C-alpha cells in the first residue's frame, strides 16, 4: 500500500516519465510512502484505475500533457466517482495554464510550473491534515543544483526496454510564439560534474539509449563539449539524442561531432520555416546562411542522423511557401524532415495572430490548426495527410532508394503532394497501412501514374525492403531467386530508424 501514487499516461511503452521521477526523488521522508505507476495512452482507463486504487492511496498525483489530457480527464472523474475521499493533484503543461481546455475540474489541486519542490510540500501538508485553502499551487523556478536528481529511479526494466530521458539544463533563450519552452527564457544548467556522474552511473547499469530533453543542447558549448567527450570515451553501440539550435556550431563542437560512429548520434534541429518574414512574425530567430552552412557540415562531414523540423500552418505562410521551404531544405540535406502541424499550445502567445491571420484551431488535444486565411480547411486536411504519408514513406527509411522516384527536377513538394493525394484516394486512410501494402501502392503509382519501368521499380523496391534484417519480400515482388532469402532477425535496438537511413 502507498499513500501517494504518482502516475501518468506515456505516448508509448518505450517512453518514460522523467517528471514523475523528479517528484519521487524529492519527496524526502514521504518517499517510502509513494510509488510510481506509468501507463500508455492505449491503456484501458479502468485498468489503470484498478492498479492505482489497489494501493489505497490518500493522494494521486497525475502528469497532464498534450498527448494524454483526455485520458487524464477521464481518470480524474473515475477516481472521484469511486473514491471521492482521494485527493487528486494534477500538474504538467496541460494543468498549468487557465482556463483549462480539457475538463480537470474535479481535481483537488493544480500545480502550476516546476513541481519538484512544491509537490512534496503539498503532500506533506495534506497528509498532516493541514491542506492549502487554494486549489492552485504556484511553483517557482527551482534551483536544479539544490534538488535531488531522478536517475536512480529508472528501474532495471526501464534500462533494458525503454528510453532513458535525461536533462543537463532547463529553459530556452528564445521567444518562439508556438513553443512552451520560450516561456522560460533563462537557461539553467545542472552542475556539469554532478550530471556526468549520474550519466556514468546509468552507463554502468547498462543504459545505452539516452534522450536529452534540453531544448538548446548546444547553447552552452563548454557543457555540450563535455557531454560529447563523455560518450566519445565509451564503446559503441549506444544511442544518444540531442535537440540543437541550427546556427551555433563552433569548431570545438564540430570536431567532436565528426568522431561519432554511424547510428550512435541523433540531432533534432528545429528549423520550422525558412521564410524570414514568417520567422520574424513569430519571434523565431532565423539566420539562413548559418543554417545552410551548418546543415551542410552535419550532412557531409558527420555520421549523425539528422531530424529536422518544418511546420505547416504558421501565420502568414502559404502552402506554396511551405513547399519552397521543403524543396530548399531537401536540397541542403537529405535528412529526416519531420513535418509538423501547427498547434495552439496552452500558455503560448501564438494566439495573438488569430484574428489577423484567421487562425482556427481544434478545441481538443493536440489543438491542431484547422484553417487560416491562406490555407482552407480542405487544403489543411490534405497537408495533414501529406505529413503522415511523408513520415511513413520518406522518414521511416523503409523506402530510401525508391522515394526519389517520386520527385522530379528537385520539386520534392509537388511530387510528394501528388503522390499523397493519389494514395489517399486508394486507401481512404493514413493509418494501419502495412509495409507490404505500402510497397505495392508505391509500385502501382510509379508504374501506372508516372510510367516507370516495372522491372526497374521492382528491383529498387526489393533492395529497400531486404536491406533490413528479418524481412520477407511482399508476394508481388517474390521470385524463385529471392523468396527464400531472409536474414536473421536483429535483437531489440532503439535506433532502428537511424540504422535504416544509414544503409
Protein backbone atom coordinates (compact mmCIF):
# COMPACT_ATOMS: atom_id res chain seq x y z
CA UNK A 1 0.00 0.00 0.00
CA UNK A 2 1.17 3.54 -0.74
CA UNK A 3 -0.24 6.83 0.49
CA UNK A 4 0.98 8.62 -2.64
CA UNK A 5 0.64 7.32 -6.20
CA UNK A 6 2.45 9.21 -8.96
CA UNK A 7 1.09 8.35 -12.39
CA UNK A 8 0.75 9.42 -16.00
CA UNK A 9 -0.03 8.06 -19.46
CA UNK A 10 3.01 7.95 -21.74
CA UNK A 11 2.57 8.08 -25.50
CA UNK A 12 4.32 4.72 -25.93
CA UNK A 13 5.58 1.92 -23.73
CA UNK A 14 9.20 2.71 -24.63
CA UNK A 15 8.81 6.21 -23.19
CA UNK A 16 9.42 7.01 -19.54
CA UNK A 17 8.21 9.91 -17.39
CA UNK A 18 11.20 11.83 -16.10
CA UNK A 19 8.83 14.31 -14.42
CA UNK A 20 7.36 11.65 -12.13
CA UNK A 21 10.83 10.54 -11.18
CA UNK A 22 11.82 14.10 -10.26
CA UNK A 23 8.78 14.33 -7.98
CA UNK A 24 9.54 10.96 -6.42
CA UNK A 25 13.22 11.81 -5.92
CA UNK A 26 12.29 14.95 -3.94
CA UNK A 27 9.64 13.52 -1.63
CA UNK A 28 12.17 13.29 1.23
CA UNK A 29 10.68 11.34 4.18
CA UNK A 30 7.49 10.70 2.20
CA UNK A 31 9.30 8.73 -0.49
CA UNK A 32 8.84 5.41 1.29
CA UNK A 33 5.10 6.06 1.21
CA UNK A 34 4.98 6.64 -2.55
CA UNK A 35 5.00 4.60 -5.77
CA UNK A 36 5.25 5.41 -9.47
CA UNK A 37 2.77 3.87 -11.90
CA UNK A 38 3.17 4.51 -15.62
CA UNK A 39 0.62 3.65 -18.28
CA UNK A 40 0.32 4.32 -22.01
CA UNK A 41 -2.46 6.23 -23.74
CA UNK A 42 -3.81 2.96 -25.14
CA UNK A 43 -4.28 1.56 -21.63
CA UNK A 44 -7.90 0.98 -20.69
CA UNK A 45 -8.65 3.75 -18.16
CA UNK A 46 -10.45 1.42 -15.77
CA UNK A 47 -7.48 -0.95 -15.82
CA UNK A 48 -5.19 1.94 -14.89
CA UNK A 49 -7.64 2.99 -12.20
CA UNK A 50 -7.66 -0.54 -10.78
CA UNK A 51 -3.89 -0.50 -10.40
CA UNK A 52 -3.91 2.94 -8.79
CA UNK A 53 -6.68 2.19 -6.30
CA UNK A 54 -5.10 -1.14 -5.38
CA UNK A 55 -2.61 0.95 -3.38
CA UNK A 56 -5.48 2.55 -1.40
CA UNK A 57 -3.78 5.95 -1.83
CA UNK A 58 -4.60 9.14 0.00
CA UNK A 59 -3.06 11.25 -2.79
CA UNK A 60 -2.87 10.63 -6.54
CA UNK A 61 -0.55 12.91 -8.49
CA UNK A 62 -1.08 12.92 -12.26
CA UNK A 63 1.07 14.38 -15.05
CA UNK A 64 -1.08 16.02 -17.77
CA UNK A 65 0.38 16.65 -21.23
CA UNK A 66 -0.96 17.40 -24.67
CA UNK A 67 -0.87 13.71 -25.67
CA UNK A 68 -2.74 12.40 -22.61
CA UNK A 69 -5.08 15.20 -21.49
CA UNK A 70 -8.25 13.31 -22.47
CA UNK A 71 -7.14 10.17 -20.59
CA UNK A 72 -6.20 12.25 -17.54
CA UNK A 73 -9.61 13.94 -17.52
CA UNK A 74 -11.38 10.57 -17.57
CA UNK A 75 -9.10 9.16 -14.87
CA UNK A 76 -9.78 12.11 -12.54
CA UNK A 77 -13.54 11.71 -12.96
CA UNK A 78 -13.39 7.98 -12.21
CA UNK A 79 -11.18 8.38 -9.15
CA UNK A 80 -13.56 10.95 -7.70
CA UNK A 81 -16.57 8.82 -8.55
CA UNK A 82 -15.25 5.66 -6.87
CA UNK A 83 -13.11 7.09 -4.04
CA UNK A 84 -14.15 10.72 -3.57
CA UNK A 85 -12.03 10.97 -0.44
CA UNK A 86 -8.82 10.53 -2.50
CA UNK A 87 -7.01 13.82 -3.09
CA UNK A 88 -6.17 14.32 -6.77
CA UNK A 89 -3.28 16.62 -7.72
CA UNK A 90 -2.69 17.42 -11.38
CA UNK A 91 0.47 19.00 -12.79
CA UNK A 92 2.24 19.35 -16.13
CA UNK A 93 1.74 21.78 -19.02
CA UNK A 94 -1.94 20.99 -19.61
CA UNK A 95 -2.79 21.69 -15.97
CA UNK A 96 -0.61 24.78 -15.60
CA UNK A 97 -2.48 27.23 -17.82
CA UNK A 98 -6.00 28.55 -17.33
CA UNK A 99 -8.69 28.25 -18.43
CA UNK A 100 -8.18 24.53 -18.89
CA UNK A 101 -9.13 23.35 -22.36
CA UNK A 102 -9.87 19.83 -21.12
CA UNK A 103 -12.05 19.32 -18.05
CA UNK A 104 -9.87 18.72 -14.98
CA UNK A 105 -12.34 20.47 -12.67
CA UNK A 106 -12.88 17.52 -10.35
CA UNK A 107 -9.22 17.55 -9.28
CA UNK A 108 -8.48 18.96 -5.83
CA UNK A 109 -5.22 20.79 -6.64
CA UNK A 110 -3.32 22.05 -9.66
CA UNK A 111 0.45 22.52 -9.58
CA UNK A 112 1.44 25.34 -11.91
CA UNK A 113 5.07 25.25 -13.05
CA UNK A 114 8.00 23.15 -11.83
CA UNK A 115 6.62 20.90 -9.13
CA UNK A 116 9.88 19.28 -7.95
CA UNK A 117 9.71 21.01 -4.54
CA UNK A 118 6.12 22.20 -4.05
CA UNK A 119 4.61 18.78 -4.69
CA UNK A 120 6.45 17.44 -1.65
CA UNK A 121 5.26 20.40 0.44
CA UNK A 122 1.69 19.90 -0.75
CA UNK A 123 1.71 16.18 0.07
CA UNK A 124 3.26 16.86 3.46
CA UNK A 125 0.53 19.34 4.35
CA UNK A 126 -2.30 17.14 3.07
CA UNK A 127 -1.07 14.09 4.99
CA UNK A 128 -0.69 16.27 8.11
CA UNK A 129 -4.35 17.25 7.64
CA UNK A 130 -3.35 20.85 7.00
CA UNK A 131 -4.26 21.21 3.30
CA UNK A 132 -3.94 24.53 1.46
CA UNK A 133 -7.10 26.58 1.06
CA UNK A 134 -6.41 27.36 -2.59
CA UNK A 135 -6.63 24.81 -5.42
CA UNK A 136 -3.87 26.48 -7.44
CA UNK A 137 -0.36 25.79 -6.18
CA UNK A 138 2.09 28.11 -7.93
CA UNK A 139 5.60 26.73 -8.25
CA UNK A 140 8.57 28.94 -8.88
CA UNK A 141 11.67 28.12 -10.92
CA UNK A 142 13.69 25.56 -8.99
CA UNK A 143 17.40 25.55 -8.33
CA UNK A 144 18.49 22.46 -10.26
CA UNK A 145 21.58 22.10 -8.12
CA UNK A 146 19.59 22.10 -4.87
CA UNK A 147 17.17 19.29 -5.70
CA UNK A 148 17.62 15.54 -5.97
CA UNK A 149 18.10 14.14 -9.46
CA UNK A 150 15.78 11.37 -10.71
CA UNK A 151 18.07 8.86 -12.37
CA UNK A 152 18.26 6.28 -9.58
CA UNK A 153 14.55 5.68 -10.12
CA UNK A 154 14.81 4.19 -13.59
CA UNK A 155 14.38 0.50 -12.75
CA UNK A 156 16.01 -2.50 -14.43
CA UNK A 157 13.09 -2.95 -16.82
CA UNK A 158 13.40 0.70 -17.88
CA UNK A 159 17.10 0.22 -18.52
CA UNK A 160 16.53 -2.89 -20.63
CA UNK A 161 13.48 -1.89 -22.63
CA UNK A 162 12.79 1.84 -22.54
CA UNK A 163 14.34 5.21 -23.35
CA UNK A 164 16.20 6.94 -20.57
CA UNK A 165 15.36 10.65 -20.55
CA UNK A 166 17.94 12.99 -19.08
CA UNK A 167 18.42 16.75 -18.88
CA UNK A 168 21.57 18.79 -18.42
CA UNK A 169 19.65 22.08 -18.44
CA UNK A 170 16.20 23.63 -18.42
CA UNK A 171 14.83 26.68 -20.20
CA UNK A 172 15.28 28.31 -23.59
CA UNK A 173 16.78 31.70 -24.53
CA UNK A 174 14.42 32.20 -27.47
CA UNK A 175 10.86 33.51 -27.73
CA UNK A 176 9.20 31.42 -30.46
CA UNK A 177 5.50 32.05 -30.05
CA UNK A 178 4.35 28.48 -30.73
CA UNK A 179 6.59 26.89 -28.09
CA UNK A 180 6.09 26.43 -24.35
CA UNK A 181 9.83 26.36 -23.71
CA UNK A 182 10.06 30.02 -24.74
CA UNK A 183 8.12 30.99 -21.60
CA UNK A 184 11.19 30.14 -19.51
CA UNK A 185 13.84 32.36 -21.06
CA UNK A 186 16.57 31.70 -18.54
CA UNK A 187 18.65 28.62 -19.33
CA UNK A 188 19.67 26.90 -16.10
CA UNK A 189 22.15 24.07 -16.12
CA UNK A 190 22.88 21.31 -13.66
CA UNK A 191 26.44 21.39 -12.35
CA UNK A 192 28.31 19.50 -15.05
CA UNK A 193 30.39 17.13 -12.94
CA UNK A 194 27.35 16.17 -10.89
CA UNK A 195 25.36 15.42 -14.02
CA UNK A 196 28.20 13.47 -15.63
CA UNK A 197 28.46 11.35 -12.50
CA UNK A 198 24.77 10.46 -12.90
CA UNK A 199 25.35 9.56 -16.55
CA UNK A 200 28.24 7.33 -15.54
CA UNK A 201 26.08 5.51 -13.01
CA UNK A 202 23.40 4.97 -15.67
CA UNK A 203 26.01 3.72 -18.13
CA UNK A 204 27.38 1.24 -15.60
CA UNK A 205 23.83 -0.02 -15.01
CA UNK A 206 23.61 -0.84 -18.71
CA UNK A 207 21.81 2.19 -20.16
CA UNK A 208 22.75 2.63 -23.81
CA UNK A 209 19.98 4.92 -25.04
CA UNK A 210 19.91 8.49 -23.75
CA UNK A 211 17.38 11.10 -24.86
CA UNK A 212 18.39 14.58 -23.73
CA UNK A 213 15.33 16.80 -23.27
CA UNK A 214 17.34 20.05 -23.19
CA UNK A 215 15.76 22.48 -25.65
CA UNK A 216 19.05 24.05 -26.74
CA UNK A 217 21.74 21.50 -26.07
CA UNK A 218 24.45 23.44 -27.93
CA UNK A 219 23.60 26.80 -26.34
CA UNK A 220 26.39 26.36 -23.78
CA UNK A 221 29.25 24.97 -25.85
CA UNK A 222 31.55 24.24 -22.91
CA UNK A 223 28.92 21.99 -21.33
CA UNK A 224 27.97 20.43 -24.66
CA UNK A 225 31.59 19.53 -25.36
CA UNK A 226 31.91 17.79 -22.00
CA UNK A 227 28.81 15.74 -22.73
CA UNK A 228 30.20 14.79 -26.14
CA UNK A 229 33.51 13.78 -24.57
CA UNK A 230 31.71 11.57 -22.08
CA UNK A 231 30.13 9.49 -24.86
CA UNK A 232 33.14 9.56 -27.18
CA UNK A 233 35.12 7.80 -24.47
CA UNK A 234 32.55 4.96 -24.38
CA UNK A 235 32.48 1.87 -26.55
CA UNK A 236 29.58 1.64 -29.05
CA UNK A 237 26.87 0.58 -29.57
CA UNK A 238 24.85 3.30 -27.89
CA UNK A 239 22.22 5.84 -28.96
CA UNK A 240 22.05 9.47 -27.86
CA UNK A 241 19.60 12.15 -28.92
CA UNK A 242 20.15 15.90 -28.61
CA UNK A 243 17.94 18.84 -29.60
CA UNK A 244 20.16 21.58 -31.00
CA UNK A 245 19.79 25.09 -32.37
CA UNK A 246 20.81 25.28 -36.04
CA UNK A 247 23.09 28.31 -36.04
CA UNK A 248 25.61 27.61 -33.26
CA UNK A 249 28.27 25.04 -34.18
CA UNK A 250 31.71 26.41 -33.32
CA UNK A 251 34.82 24.50 -34.31
CA UNK A 252 35.27 22.71 -30.97
CA UNK A 253 31.80 21.18 -31.26
CA UNK A 254 32.22 20.37 -34.94
CA UNK A 255 35.42 18.48 -34.24
CA UNK A 256 33.67 16.26 -31.70
CA UNK A 257 30.63 15.64 -33.87
CA UNK A 258 32.79 14.21 -36.65
CA UNK A 259 34.06 11.50 -34.29
CA UNK A 260 30.77 9.73 -33.59
CA UNK A 261 30.25 6.44 -35.45
CA UNK A 262 27.11 5.83 -37.55
CA UNK A 263 23.72 5.33 -35.83
CA UNK A 264 25.01 6.45 -32.42
CA UNK A 265 24.08 10.13 -32.54
CA UNK A 266 20.79 11.82 -33.49
CA UNK A 267 20.45 15.59 -33.69
CA UNK A 268 17.00 17.16 -33.71
CA UNK A 269 17.18 20.57 -35.37
CA UNK A 270 14.27 22.97 -35.17
CA UNK A 271 14.06 24.91 -38.43
CA UNK A 272 10.23 25.32 -38.58
CA UNK A 273 10.37 27.76 -41.53
CA UNK A 274 12.92 29.17 -43.96
CA UNK A 275 10.84 32.27 -44.69
CA UNK A 276 12.47 35.15 -42.81
CA UNK A 277 9.28 37.27 -42.73
CA UNK A 278 7.26 34.41 -41.25
CA UNK A 279 10.04 33.67 -38.75
CA UNK A 280 10.26 37.31 -37.64
CA UNK A 281 6.49 37.42 -37.21
CA UNK A 282 6.57 34.60 -34.63
CA UNK A 283 9.80 35.76 -32.91
CA UNK A 284 11.78 32.90 -34.40
CA UNK A 285 15.42 33.78 -34.94
CA UNK A 286 16.49 32.69 -38.40
CA UNK A 287 19.95 33.01 -39.92
CA UNK A 288 19.60 31.11 -43.18
CA UNK A 289 23.26 31.48 -44.14
CA UNK A 290 24.38 29.82 -40.89
CA UNK A 291 21.65 27.19 -41.08
CA UNK A 292 22.67 26.23 -44.60
CA UNK A 293 26.35 26.11 -43.68
CA UNK A 294 25.79 24.02 -40.54
CA UNK A 295 23.34 21.59 -42.13
CA UNK A 296 25.77 21.06 -44.99
CA UNK A 297 28.53 20.35 -42.48
CA UNK A 298 26.39 17.90 -40.49
CA UNK A 299 25.19 16.15 -43.63
CA UNK A 300 28.56 15.82 -45.34
CA UNK A 301 31.16 15.68 -42.57
CA UNK A 302 29.46 13.79 -39.74
CA UNK A 303 27.67 10.46 -39.42
CA UNK A 304 24.95 11.91 -37.20
CA UNK A 305 21.35 11.12 -38.02
CA UNK A 306 19.61 14.46 -38.61
CA UNK A 307 15.99 15.06 -37.71
CA UNK A 308 14.92 18.49 -38.99
CA UNK A 309 11.55 20.11 -38.28
CA UNK A 310 9.23 22.14 -40.53
CA UNK A 311 5.76 23.35 -39.51
CA UNK A 312 2.61 23.64 -41.66
CA UNK A 313 0.17 26.45 -40.86
CA UNK A 314 2.38 29.20 -39.42
CA UNK A 315 0.70 32.61 -39.58
CA UNK A 316 1.41 34.27 -42.92
CA UNK A 317 2.88 31.18 -44.60
CA UNK A 318 1.02 29.64 -47.54
CA UNK A 319 1.24 26.04 -48.72
CA UNK A 320 3.20 27.29 -51.74
CA UNK A 321 5.80 28.87 -49.46
CA UNK A 322 5.92 25.77 -47.29
CA UNK A 323 6.59 23.76 -50.46
CA UNK A 324 9.50 26.04 -51.33
CA UNK A 325 10.88 25.57 -47.81
CA UNK A 326 10.70 21.79 -48.15
CA UNK A 327 12.39 21.84 -51.57
CA UNK A 328 15.13 24.11 -50.27
CA UNK A 329 15.70 22.08 -47.11
CA UNK A 330 15.86 18.81 -49.06
CA UNK A 331 18.43 20.34 -51.41
CA UNK A 332 20.66 21.21 -48.44
CA UNK A 333 20.45 17.94 -46.51
CA UNK A 334 18.90 14.58 -47.43
CA UNK A 335 17.95 14.01 -43.82
CA UNK A 336 14.81 13.05 -41.94
CA UNK A 337 12.44 16.02 -42.23
CA UNK A 338 9.67 15.96 -39.66
CA UNK A 339 6.62 17.83 -40.97
CA UNK A 340 4.55 19.06 -38.06
CA UNK A 341 1.13 20.70 -38.00
CA UNK A 342 0.94 23.96 -36.03
CA UNK A 343 -0.62 23.53 -32.59
CA UNK A 344 -2.02 26.20 -30.31
CA UNK A 345 -0.42 25.08 -27.06
CA UNK A 346 -1.83 26.38 -23.79
CA UNK A 347 0.20 29.26 -22.41
CA UNK A 348 1.88 30.26 -25.67
CA UNK A 349 1.44 33.64 -27.39
CA UNK A 350 0.67 32.29 -30.88
CA UNK A 351 -2.98 33.28 -30.26
CA UNK A 352 -2.14 36.93 -30.95
CA UNK A 353 -2.28 36.04 -34.66
CA UNK A 354 -5.75 34.50 -34.54
CA UNK A 355 -7.75 37.48 -35.78
CA UNK A 356 -5.18 38.91 -38.20
CA UNK A 357 -4.50 35.62 -39.97
CA UNK A 358 -7.85 33.90 -39.43
CA UNK A 359 -6.29 31.13 -37.36
CA UNK A 360 -8.83 28.44 -36.39
CA UNK A 361 -7.78 25.53 -34.16
CA UNK A 362 -9.37 22.39 -32.80
CA UNK A 363 -10.52 22.75 -29.19
CA UNK A 364 -9.40 19.17 -28.47
CA UNK A 365 -5.81 17.99 -27.94
CA UNK A 366 -3.44 18.24 -29.70
CA UNK A 367 -5.09 21.55 -30.73
CA UNK A 368 -4.09 21.29 -34.40
CA UNK A 369 -4.78 24.20 -36.70
CA UNK A 370 -7.86 23.61 -38.86
CA UNK A 371 -7.55 26.53 -41.27
CA UNK A 372 -6.27 30.07 -41.65
CA UNK A 373 -6.61 32.92 -44.13
CA UNK A 374 -4.10 31.32 -46.52
CA UNK A 375 -4.92 27.63 -46.08
CA UNK A 376 -8.52 26.44 -46.27
CA UNK A 377 -9.81 23.58 -44.13
CA UNK A 378 -9.87 21.28 -47.16
CA UNK A 379 -6.26 22.10 -48.05
CA UNK A 380 -5.15 21.78 -44.43
CA UNK A 381 -6.64 18.27 -44.39
CA UNK A 382 -4.59 17.42 -47.47
CA UNK A 383 -1.45 18.78 -45.77
CA UNK A 384 -2.09 16.67 -42.68
CA UNK A 385 -2.29 13.60 -44.91
CA UNK A 386 0.83 14.77 -46.74
CA UNK A 387 2.68 14.93 -43.42
CA UNK A 388 1.51 11.45 -42.39
CA UNK A 389 2.43 9.78 -45.68
CA UNK A 390 5.75 11.65 -45.71
CA UNK A 391 6.57 10.09 -42.36
CA UNK A 392 5.54 6.59 -43.48
CA UNK A 393 7.36 6.67 -46.81
CA UNK A 394 10.24 9.15 -46.53
CA UNK A 395 11.14 9.50 -42.86
CA UNK A 396 10.75 5.83 -41.98
CA UNK A 397 13.79 4.88 -44.06
CA UNK A 398 11.84 1.90 -45.40
CA UNK A 399 11.86 3.28 -48.95
CA UNK A 400 15.14 5.17 -49.02
CA UNK A 401 16.02 4.40 -52.64
CA UNK A 402 12.59 4.25 -54.23
CA UNK A 403 11.33 7.52 -52.75
CA UNK A 404 13.48 9.65 -55.05
CA UNK A 405 11.40 8.39 -57.97
CA UNK A 406 8.52 10.45 -56.56
CA UNK A 407 10.48 13.69 -57.00
CA UNK A 408 11.35 15.22 -60.35
CA UNK A 409 13.62 18.16 -61.13
CA UNK A 410 14.04 18.98 -57.44
CA UNK A 411 10.29 19.50 -56.97
CA UNK A 412 10.04 17.47 -53.80
CA UNK A 413 6.85 19.05 -52.52
CA UNK A 414 4.94 18.92 -55.80
CA UNK A 415 5.94 15.32 -56.45
CA UNK A 416 5.07 14.05 -53.00
CA UNK A 417 1.87 16.09 -52.75
CA UNK A 418 0.56 14.45 -55.91
CA UNK A 419 1.54 11.03 -54.55
CA UNK A 420 -0.15 11.70 -51.19
CA UNK A 421 -3.36 12.72 -52.97
CA UNK A 422 -3.33 9.55 -55.07
CA UNK A 423 -2.53 7.19 -52.24
CA UNK A 424 -5.28 8.59 -50.02
CA UNK A 425 -7.76 8.07 -52.85
CA UNK A 426 -6.73 4.38 -52.84
CA UNK A 427 -6.74 3.83 -49.07
CA UNK A 428 -9.07 6.47 -47.58
CA UNK A 429 -6.83 6.14 -44.54
CA UNK A 430 -3.46 7.28 -43.24
CA UNK A 431 -3.21 4.55 -40.59
CA UNK A 432 -2.72 0.79 -40.40
CA UNK A 433 -1.11 0.51 -43.82
CA UNK A 434 1.28 -2.42 -43.74
CA UNK A 435 4.77 -2.28 -45.22
CA UNK A 436 3.78 -4.79 -47.93
CA UNK A 437 0.69 -2.81 -48.91
CA UNK A 438 2.61 0.47 -48.99
CA UNK A 439 5.27 -1.11 -51.20
CA UNK A 440 2.57 -2.29 -53.59
CA UNK A 441 0.91 1.14 -53.66
CA UNK A 442 4.24 2.81 -54.42
CA UNK A 443 4.83 0.26 -57.18
CA UNK A 444 1.41 0.98 -58.69
CA UNK A 445 1.86 4.75 -58.54
CA UNK A 446 5.29 4.73 -60.14
CA UNK A 447 4.35 2.30 -62.89
CA UNK A 448 0.74 3.29 -63.59
CA UNK A 449 0.84 7.05 -62.98
CA UNK A 450 4.47 8.02 -63.59
CA UNK A 451 5.03 5.22 -66.15
CA UNK A 452 8.37 3.99 -64.82
CA UNK A 453 9.52 0.51 -65.88
CA UNK A 454 8.01 -2.35 -63.84
CA UNK A 455 11.32 -4.19 -63.75
CA UNK A 456 13.28 -1.17 -62.56
CA UNK A 457 10.83 -0.34 -59.77
CA UNK A 458 10.67 -3.95 -58.56
CA UNK A 459 14.45 -4.17 -58.35
CA UNK A 460 14.74 -0.96 -56.32
CA UNK A 461 11.86 -1.93 -54.03
CA UNK A 462 13.50 -5.29 -53.34
CA UNK A 463 16.73 -3.52 -52.39
CA UNK A 464 14.88 -1.23 -50.00
CA UNK A 465 12.84 -3.92 -48.31
CA UNK A 466 15.57 -6.52 -47.97
CA UNK A 467 18.08 -4.01 -46.59
CA UNK A 468 16.57 -4.65 -43.14
CA UNK A 469 17.23 -7.94 -41.42
CA UNK A 470 14.31 -10.27 -40.71
CA UNK A 471 12.07 -9.16 -43.57
CA UNK A 472 10.33 -11.22 -46.22
CA UNK A 473 9.57 -9.86 -49.66
CA UNK A 474 5.91 -8.98 -50.41
CA UNK A 475 4.29 -11.56 -52.65
CA UNK A 476 4.14 -9.26 -55.68
CA UNK A 477 7.96 -8.94 -55.54
CA UNK A 478 8.82 -12.58 -54.87
CA UNK A 479 10.72 -14.60 -57.44
CA UNK A 480 12.27 -18.05 -57.16
CA UNK A 481 15.57 -16.29 -56.74
CA UNK A 482 14.55 -14.07 -53.84
CA UNK A 483 11.64 -15.59 -51.96
CA UNK A 484 13.70 -17.85 -49.70
CA UNK A 485 16.29 -15.24 -48.83
CA UNK A 486 15.63 -13.90 -45.36
CA UNK A 487 18.16 -12.57 -42.90
CA UNK A 488 18.15 -13.40 -39.22
CA UNK A 489 16.13 -11.01 -37.08
CA UNK A 490 18.18 -8.49 -35.10
CA UNK A 491 17.80 -8.06 -31.32
CA UNK A 492 15.85 -5.09 -29.91
CA UNK A 493 17.50 -1.74 -30.60
CA UNK A 494 16.39 1.83 -30.00
CA UNK A 495 17.78 3.25 -33.23
CA UNK A 496 16.22 1.06 -35.95
CA UNK A 497 15.04 4.10 -37.89
CA UNK A 498 18.52 5.63 -37.83
CA UNK A 499 20.07 2.35 -38.96
CA UNK A 500 17.77 2.20 -41.99
CA UNK A 501 18.78 5.72 -43.01
CA UNK A 502 22.46 4.82 -42.74
CA UNK A 503 22.26 1.82 -45.09
